[in-house]
Amino acid sequence: MPEKRPSEGREEDAAESYRRAAPYLDASWQLVGSVALWTLVGWFADRKLHTVPWLLVSGAVVGTALGFYLFFKSVLAIGRKK
């Protein structure tokens, strides 16, 4: 039986690594997405209501708080599944 060269089978290893990392990547995207979304909402509201920069700052704070909540909720759920 021929021996595997080091370069063989790497596709399977990479695919498995991506599968294992997917829940953590999802959790991080929830954090980033929440901050970005709520900051944008605050920015648009500031432009509409002429309250610069208060709603932008409020949106960023709300997005950060919600993002961390969703991030830790996802990470803890991953820990429970294992």
N, C-alpha and C. Protein backbone atom coordinates (compact mmCIF):
# COMPACT_ATOMS: atom_id res chain seq x y z
N MET A 1 0.85 -1.17 0.00
CA MET A 1 0.00 0.00 0.00
C MET A 1 0.89 1.24 0.00
N PRO A 2 0.69 2.14 -0.96
CA PRO A 2 1.56 3.31 -1.03
C PRO A 2 1.27 4.28 0.12
N GLU A 3 2.33 4.92 0.57
CA GLU A 3 2.18 5.90 1.65
C GLU A 3 1.63 7.20 1.09
N LYS A 4 0.89 7.89 1.93
CA LYS A 4 0.35 9.20 1.54
C LYS A 4 1.46 10.24 1.63
N ARG A 5 1.51 11.06 0.65
CA ARG A 5 2.42 12.20 0.71
C ARG A 5 1.80 13.25 1.63
N PRO A 6 2.61 14.12 2.21
CA PRO A 6 2.07 15.14 3.12
C PRO A 6 1.02 16.04 2.48
N SER A 7 1.10 16.24 1.15
CA SER A 7 0.15 17.13 0.50
C SER A 7 -1.20 16.46 0.24
N GLU A 8 -1.25 15.14 0.29
CA GLU A 8 -2.51 14.44 0.04
C GLU A 8 -3.39 14.49 1.28
N GLY A 9 -4.68 14.60 1.07
CA GLY A 9 -5.63 14.59 2.17
C GLY A 9 -5.79 15.95 2.84
N ARG A 10 -5.12 16.95 2.37
CA ARG A 10 -5.25 18.27 3.00
C ARG A 10 -6.61 18.89 2.76
N GLU A 11 -7.24 18.54 1.64
CA GLU A 11 -8.58 19.09 1.38
C GLU A 11 -9.55 18.63 2.46
N GLU A 12 -9.45 17.38 2.85
CA GLU A 12 -10.33 16.87 3.90
C GLU A 12 -10.03 17.54 5.23
N ASP A 13 -8.75 17.74 5.53
CA ASP A 13 -8.38 18.40 6.77
C ASP A 13 -8.87 19.84 6.80
N ALA A 14 -8.74 20.55 5.69
CA ALA A 14 -9.20 21.93 5.62
C ALA A 14 -10.71 22.00 5.76
N ALA A 15 -11.42 21.11 5.08
CA ALA A 15 -12.88 21.10 5.16
C ALA A 15 -13.34 20.82 6.59
N GLU A 16 -12.70 19.88 7.23
CA GLU A 16 -13.06 19.55 8.62
C GLU A 16 -12.76 20.74 9.54
N SER A 17 -11.67 21.42 9.30
CA SER A 17 -11.34 22.60 10.11
C SER A 17 -12.38 23.69 9.95
N TYR A 18 -12.83 23.90 8.71
CA TYR A 18 -13.87 24.91 8.47
C TYR A 18 -15.18 24.50 9.15
N ARG A 19 -15.51 23.23 9.12
CA ARG A 19 -16.74 22.76 9.77
C ARG A 19 -16.68 22.99 11.28
N ARG A 20 -15.52 22.74 11.87
CA ARG A 20 -15.39 22.95 13.31
C ARG A 20 -15.38 24.43 13.67
N ALA A 21 -14.86 25.28 12.78
CA ALA A 21 -14.77 26.70 13.06
C ALA A 21 -16.07 27.45 12.75
N ALA A 22 -16.95 26.87 11.99
CA ALA A 22 -18.17 27.55 11.54
C ALA A 22 -19.00 28.15 12.67
N PRO A 23 -19.27 27.43 13.75
CA PRO A 23 -20.08 28.06 14.81
C PRO A 23 -19.40 29.29 15.43
N TYR A 24 -18.09 29.25 15.55
CA TYR A 24 -17.37 30.39 16.12
C TYR A 24 -17.35 31.57 15.14
N LEU A 25 -17.21 31.27 13.85
CA LEU A 25 -17.27 32.32 12.85
C LEU A 25 -18.66 32.96 12.83
N ASP A 26 -19.68 32.14 12.98
CA ASP A 26 -21.05 32.65 13.02
C ASP A 26 -21.24 33.57 14.22
N ALA A 27 -20.72 33.16 15.37
CA ALA A 27 -20.85 33.99 16.57
C ALA A 27 -20.14 35.32 16.39
N SER A 28 -18.96 35.31 15.78
CA SER A 28 -18.24 36.57 15.59
C SER A 28 -18.95 37.47 14.59
N TRP A 29 -19.55 36.89 13.55
CA TRP A 29 -20.29 37.70 12.59
C TRP A 29 -21.52 38.32 13.21
N GLN A 30 -22.12 37.63 14.18
CA GLN A 30 -23.26 38.22 14.88
C GLN A 30 -22.83 39.47 15.65
N LEU A 31 -21.67 39.40 16.26
CA LEU A 31 -21.15 40.55 17.00
C LEU A 31 -20.88 41.71 16.05
N VAL A 32 -20.15 41.46 14.99
CA VAL A 32 -19.79 42.51 14.02
C VAL A 32 -21.04 43.07 13.34
N GLY A 33 -21.93 42.19 12.94
CA GLY A 33 -23.15 42.62 12.25
C GLY A 33 -24.04 43.47 13.12
N SER A 34 -24.16 43.11 14.38
CA SER A 34 -25.01 43.86 15.28
C SER A 34 -24.47 45.27 15.50
N VAL A 35 -23.17 45.38 15.72
CA VAL A 35 -22.57 46.70 15.90
C VAL A 35 -22.74 47.54 14.64
N ALA A 36 -22.46 46.96 13.48
CA ALA A 36 -22.57 47.69 12.22
C ALA A 36 -24.01 48.12 11.95
N LEU A 37 -24.95 47.21 12.14
CA LEU A 37 -26.36 47.52 11.87
C LEU A 37 -26.87 48.65 12.75
N TRP A 38 -26.65 48.55 14.06
CA TRP A 38 -27.19 49.56 14.97
C TRP A 38 -26.46 50.89 14.86
N THR A 39 -25.18 50.86 14.48
CA THR A 39 -24.48 52.11 14.23
C THR A 39 -25.06 52.80 13.00
N LEU A 40 -25.35 52.02 11.96
CA LEU A 40 -25.98 52.59 10.77
C LEU A 40 -27.37 53.14 11.07
N VAL A 41 -28.14 52.41 11.87
CA VAL A 41 -29.48 52.89 12.26
C VAL A 41 -29.35 54.22 12.98
N GLY A 42 -28.39 54.32 13.90
CA GLY A 42 -28.17 55.58 14.62
C GLY A 42 -27.75 56.70 13.70
N TRP A 43 -26.90 56.39 12.74
CA TRP A 43 -26.43 57.40 11.79
C TRP A 43 -27.58 57.93 10.94
N PHE A 44 -28.41 57.02 10.41
CA PHE A 44 -29.55 57.45 9.61
C PHE A 44 -30.55 58.26 10.45
N ALA A 45 -30.78 57.83 11.68
CA ALA A 45 -31.69 58.57 12.55
C ALA A 45 -31.14 59.96 12.86
N ASP A 46 -29.83 60.06 13.08
CA ASP A 46 -29.21 61.37 13.31
C ASP A 46 -29.40 62.29 12.11
N ARG A 47 -29.21 61.75 10.93
CA ARG A 47 -29.37 62.57 9.71
C ARG A 47 -30.82 63.05 9.57
N LYS A 48 -31.74 62.18 9.90
CA LYS A 48 -33.16 62.51 9.74
C LYS A 48 -33.63 63.51 10.81
N LEU A 49 -33.19 63.32 12.06
CA LEU A 49 -33.68 64.12 13.18
C LEU A 49 -32.74 65.26 13.57
N HIS A 50 -31.58 65.37 12.90
CA HIS A 50 -30.61 66.44 13.17
C HIS A 50 -30.15 66.45 14.63
N THR A 51 -29.78 65.29 15.13
CA THR A 51 -29.34 65.18 16.53
C THR A 51 -27.88 64.71 16.61
N VAL A 52 -27.10 65.03 15.59
CA VAL A 52 -25.71 64.55 15.49
C VAL A 52 -24.96 64.86 16.77
N PRO A 53 -24.21 64.01 17.35
CA PRO A 53 -23.91 62.60 17.10
C PRO A 53 -24.61 61.66 18.07
N TRP A 54 -25.64 62.11 18.75
CA TRP A 54 -26.18 61.36 19.88
C TRP A 54 -26.82 60.03 19.50
N LEU A 55 -27.58 59.99 18.46
CA LEU A 55 -28.21 58.72 18.07
C LEU A 55 -27.18 57.76 17.46
N LEU A 56 -26.16 58.29 16.82
CA LEU A 56 -25.07 57.46 16.31
C LEU A 56 -24.36 56.77 17.47
N VAL A 57 -24.03 57.52 18.49
CA VAL A 57 -23.36 56.95 19.66
C VAL A 57 -24.28 55.97 20.37
N SER A 58 -25.55 56.33 20.51
CA SER A 58 -26.51 55.42 21.15
C SER A 58 -26.66 54.13 20.36
N GLY A 59 -26.74 54.24 19.05
CA GLY A 59 -26.84 53.05 18.20
C GLY A 59 -25.61 52.16 18.34
N ALA A 60 -24.43 52.77 18.40
CA ALA A 60 -23.20 51.99 18.56
C ALA A 60 -23.18 51.28 19.91
N VAL A 61 -23.64 51.95 20.95
CA VAL A 61 -23.66 51.33 22.29
C VAL A 61 -24.68 50.19 22.33
N VAL A 62 -25.85 50.44 21.79
CA VAL A 62 -26.88 49.38 21.76
C VAL A 62 -26.39 48.20 20.91
N GLY A 63 -25.80 48.48 19.77
CA GLY A 63 -25.27 47.42 18.91
C GLY A 63 -24.18 46.62 19.58
N THR A 64 -23.31 47.29 20.30
CA THR A 64 -22.23 46.60 21.01
C THR A 64 -22.81 45.71 22.11
N ALA A 65 -23.73 46.24 22.89
CA ALA A 65 -24.34 45.44 23.96
C ALA A 65 -25.09 44.24 23.39
N LEU A 66 -25.89 44.46 22.39
CA LEU A 66 -26.65 43.37 21.78
C LEU A 66 -25.71 42.37 21.11
N GLY A 67 -24.67 42.88 20.46
CA GLY A 67 -23.70 42.00 19.80
C GLY A 67 -22.99 41.10 20.78
N PHE A 68 -22.55 41.64 21.92
CA PHE A 68 -21.89 40.80 22.92
C PHE A 68 -22.86 39.80 23.52
N TYR A 69 -24.10 40.21 23.73
CA TYR A 69 -25.11 39.27 24.25
C TYR A 69 -25.27 38.09 23.29
N LEU A 70 -25.45 38.39 22.00
CA LEU A 70 -25.61 37.32 21.01
C LEU A 70 -24.35 36.48 20.87
N PHE A 71 -23.19 37.13 20.95
CA PHE A 71 -21.92 36.42 20.84
C PHE A 71 -21.78 35.40 21.97
N PHE A 72 -21.97 35.85 23.21
CA PHE A 72 -21.80 34.94 24.34
C PHE A 72 -22.90 33.88 24.38
N LYS A 73 -24.10 34.24 23.96
CA LYS A 73 -25.18 33.26 23.89
C LYS A 73 -24.81 32.14 22.91
N SER A 74 -24.27 32.51 21.75
CA SER A 74 -23.85 31.51 20.76
C SER A 74 -22.69 30.67 21.25
N VAL A 75 -21.70 31.30 21.85
CA VAL A 75 -20.53 30.55 22.33
C VAL A 75 -20.92 29.60 23.45
N LEU A 76 -21.79 30.02 24.34
CA LEU A 76 -22.22 29.12 25.41
C LEU A 76 -23.06 27.97 24.87
N ALA A 77 -23.84 28.24 23.84
CA ALA A 77 -24.63 27.16 23.22
C ALA A 77 -23.70 26.15 22.54
N ILE A 78 -22.62 26.61 21.97
CA ILE A 78 -21.64 25.69 21.36
C ILE A 78 -21.02 24.81 22.43
N GLY A 79 -20.71 25.40 23.58
CA GLY A 79 -20.13 24.64 24.69
C GLY A 79 -21.07 23.58 25.22
N ARG A 80 -22.37 23.89 25.23
CA ARG A 80 -23.36 22.91 25.72
C ARG A 80 -23.53 21.73 24.77
N LYS A 81 -23.36 22.00 23.45
CA LYS A 81 -23.52 20.93 22.47
C LYS A 81 -22.42 19.90 22.57
N LYS A 82 -21.24 20.33 23.01
CA LYS A 82 -20.11 19.41 23.10
C LYS A 82 -20.22 18.65 24.34
